[in-house]
Amino acid sequence: GIGSIFVRMLVNFAFRQSHVDVLHCLCDDFNVRSERMRQKNGFTLVRRDAVQAEVGGPPIGNWRLHYALTKETYFKEI
């Protein structure tokens, strides 16, 4: 919903106004909604890193997911 609209606006601003070449986003594998939002907005998974649990810390996922979107890919999709 509104999160995807906001991300689209930020991506558009980054590529059109700020002349960014590549955007990178990180999320952990337990955050499925964030992962889906990135995919809906054209980001692709480029790397997965194993996550080390901190002793006494909150539960975290098993993987840190690295997503990227290039300016070239963005302009091909719109």
C-alpha atoms as a PDB file:
ATOM      1  CA  GLY A   1       0.000   0.000   0.000  1.00  0.00           C
ATOM      2  CA  ILE A   2       1.348   3.294   1.170  1.00  0.00           C
ATOM      3  CA  GLY A   3       4.836   1.897   1.891  1.00  0.00           C
ATOM      4  CA  SER A   4       5.262   0.843  -1.734  1.00  0.00           C
ATOM      5  CA  ILE A   5       4.086   4.256  -2.946  1.00  0.00           C
ATOM      6  CA  PHE A   6       6.584   5.951  -0.645  1.00  0.00           C
ATOM      7  CA  VAL A   7       9.446   3.696  -1.811  1.00  0.00           C
ATOM      8  CA  ARG A   8       8.534   4.393  -5.469  1.00  0.00           C
ATOM      9  CA  MET A   9       8.657   8.137  -4.766  1.00  0.00           C
ATOM     10  CA  LEU A  10      12.071   7.847  -3.081  1.00  0.00           C
ATOM     11  CA  VAL A  11      13.477   5.688  -5.888  1.00  0.00           C
ATOM     12  CA  ASN A  12      12.186   8.115  -8.487  1.00  0.00           C
ATOM     13  CA  PHE A  13      13.716  11.050  -6.605  1.00  0.00           C
ATOM     14  CA  ALA A  14      17.056   9.255  -6.197  1.00  0.00           C
ATOM     15  CA  PHE A  15      17.411   8.427  -9.892  1.00  0.00           C
ATOM     16  CA  ARG A  16      15.860  11.548 -11.451  1.00  0.00           C
ATOM     17  CA  GLN A  17      16.825  14.339  -9.055  1.00  0.00           C
ATOM     18  CA  SER A  18      19.883  13.116  -7.146  1.00  0.00           C
ATOM     19  CA  HIS A  19      21.452  11.271 -10.111  1.00  0.00           C
ATOM     20  CA  VAL A  20      22.170   8.128  -8.091  1.00  0.00           C
ATOM     21  CA  ASP A  21      23.406   5.153 -10.142  1.00  0.00           C
ATOM     22  CA  VAL A  22      22.602   2.269  -7.774  1.00  0.00           C
ATOM     23  CA  LEU A  23      20.383   1.905  -4.704  1.00  0.00           C
ATOM     24  CA  HIS A  24      21.112  -0.753  -2.065  1.00  0.00           C
ATOM     25  CA  CYS A  25      18.707  -2.001   0.602  1.00  0.00           C
ATOM     26  CA  LEU A  26      19.146  -4.487   3.419  1.00  0.00           C
ATOM     27  CA  CYS A  27      16.617  -6.518   5.359  1.00  0.00           C
ATOM     28  CA  ASP A  28      16.627  -9.725   7.362  1.00  0.00           C
ATOM     29  CA  ASP A  29      14.820 -12.807   6.104  1.00  0.00           C
ATOM     30  CA  PHE A  30      12.151 -12.689   8.818  1.00  0.00           C
ATOM     31  CA  ASN A  31      10.890  -9.334   7.459  1.00  0.00           C
ATOM     32  CA  VAL A  32       8.856 -10.813   4.613  1.00  0.00           C
ATOM     33  CA  ARG A  33       6.749  -7.676   4.033  1.00  0.00           C
ATOM     34  CA  SER A  34       9.858  -5.517   3.539  1.00  0.00           C
ATOM     35  CA  GLU A  35      11.347  -8.119   1.236  1.00  0.00           C
ATOM     36  CA  ARG A  36       8.175  -8.223  -0.888  1.00  0.00           C
ATOM     37  CA  MET A  37       8.016  -4.411  -1.096  1.00  0.00           C
ATOM     38  CA  ARG A  38      11.578  -4.271  -2.445  1.00  0.00           C
ATOM     39  CA  GLN A  39      10.781  -6.903  -5.061  1.00  0.00           C
ATOM     40  CA  LYS A  40       7.583  -5.081  -6.119  1.00  0.00           C
ATOM     41  CA  ASN A  41       9.652  -1.936  -6.693  1.00  0.00           C
ATOM     42  CA  GLY A  42      12.210  -3.611  -8.966  1.00  0.00           C
ATOM     43  CA  PHE A  43      14.995  -4.418  -6.492  1.00  0.00           C
ATOM     44  CA  THR A  44      16.750  -7.743  -7.022  1.00  0.00           C
ATOM     45  CA  LEU A  45      18.478  -9.933  -4.471  1.00  0.00           C
ATOM     46  CA  VAL A  46      22.233  -9.695  -5.001  1.00  0.00           C
ATOM     47  CA  ARG A  47      23.615 -11.315  -1.839  1.00  0.00           C
ATOM     48  CA  ARG A  48      22.685 -13.233   1.307  1.00  0.00           C
ATOM     49  CA  ASP A  49      24.861 -13.153   4.420  1.00  0.00           C
ATOM     50  CA  ALA A  50      24.454 -15.439   7.411  1.00  0.00           C
ATOM     51  CA  VAL A  51      23.424 -13.537  10.546  1.00  0.00           C
ATOM     52  CA  GLN A  52      25.093 -14.250  13.879  1.00  0.00           C
ATOM     53  CA  ALA A  53      22.684 -14.148  16.831  1.00  0.00           C
ATOM     54  CA  GLU A  54      23.735 -11.853  19.659  1.00  0.00           C
ATOM     55  CA  VAL A  55      23.750 -13.417  23.117  1.00  0.00           C
ATOM     56  CA  GLY A  56      20.704 -12.190  25.011  1.00  0.00           C
ATOM     57  CA  GLY A  57      19.522 -10.142  22.012  1.00  0.00           C
ATOM     58  CA  PRO A  58      16.149 -10.291  20.324  1.00  0.00           C
ATOM     59  CA  PRO A  59      15.471 -13.167  17.907  1.00  0.00           C
ATOM     60  CA  ILE A  60      16.693 -12.412  14.419  1.00  0.00           C
ATOM     61  CA  GLY A  61      16.555 -14.148  11.076  1.00  0.00           C
ATOM     62  CA  ASN A  62      19.116 -16.496   9.607  1.00  0.00           C
ATOM     63  CA  TRP A  63      20.024 -14.311   6.636  1.00  0.00           C
ATOM     64  CA  ARG A  64      20.671 -10.633   5.891  1.00  0.00           C
ATOM     65  CA  LEU A  65      19.389  -9.972   2.377  1.00  0.00           C
ATOM     66  CA  HIS A  66      21.085  -7.400   0.140  1.00  0.00           C
ATOM     67  CA  TYR A  67      18.928  -5.908  -2.614  1.00  0.00           C
ATOM     68  CA  ALA A  68      19.995  -3.547  -5.396  1.00  0.00           C
ATOM     69  CA  LEU A  69      18.330  -1.500  -8.113  1.00  0.00           C
ATOM     70  CA  THR A  70      20.310   0.205 -10.860  1.00  0.00           C
ATOM     71  CA  LYS A  71      19.288   3.338 -12.690  1.00  0.00           C
ATOM     72  CA  GLU A  72      19.451   1.432 -15.985  1.00  0.00           C
ATOM     73  CA  THR A  73      17.076  -1.279 -14.737  1.00  0.00           C
ATOM     74  CA  TYR A  74      14.695   1.283 -13.260  1.00  0.00           C
ATOM     75  CA  PHE A  75      14.334   3.223 -16.518  1.00  0.00           C
ATOM     76  CA  LYS A  76      13.817   0.003 -18.525  1.00  0.00           C
ATOM     77  CA  GLU A  77      10.914  -0.981 -16.251  1.00  0.00           C
ATOM     78  CA  ILE A  78       8.959   2.287 -16.374  1.00  0.00           C
END
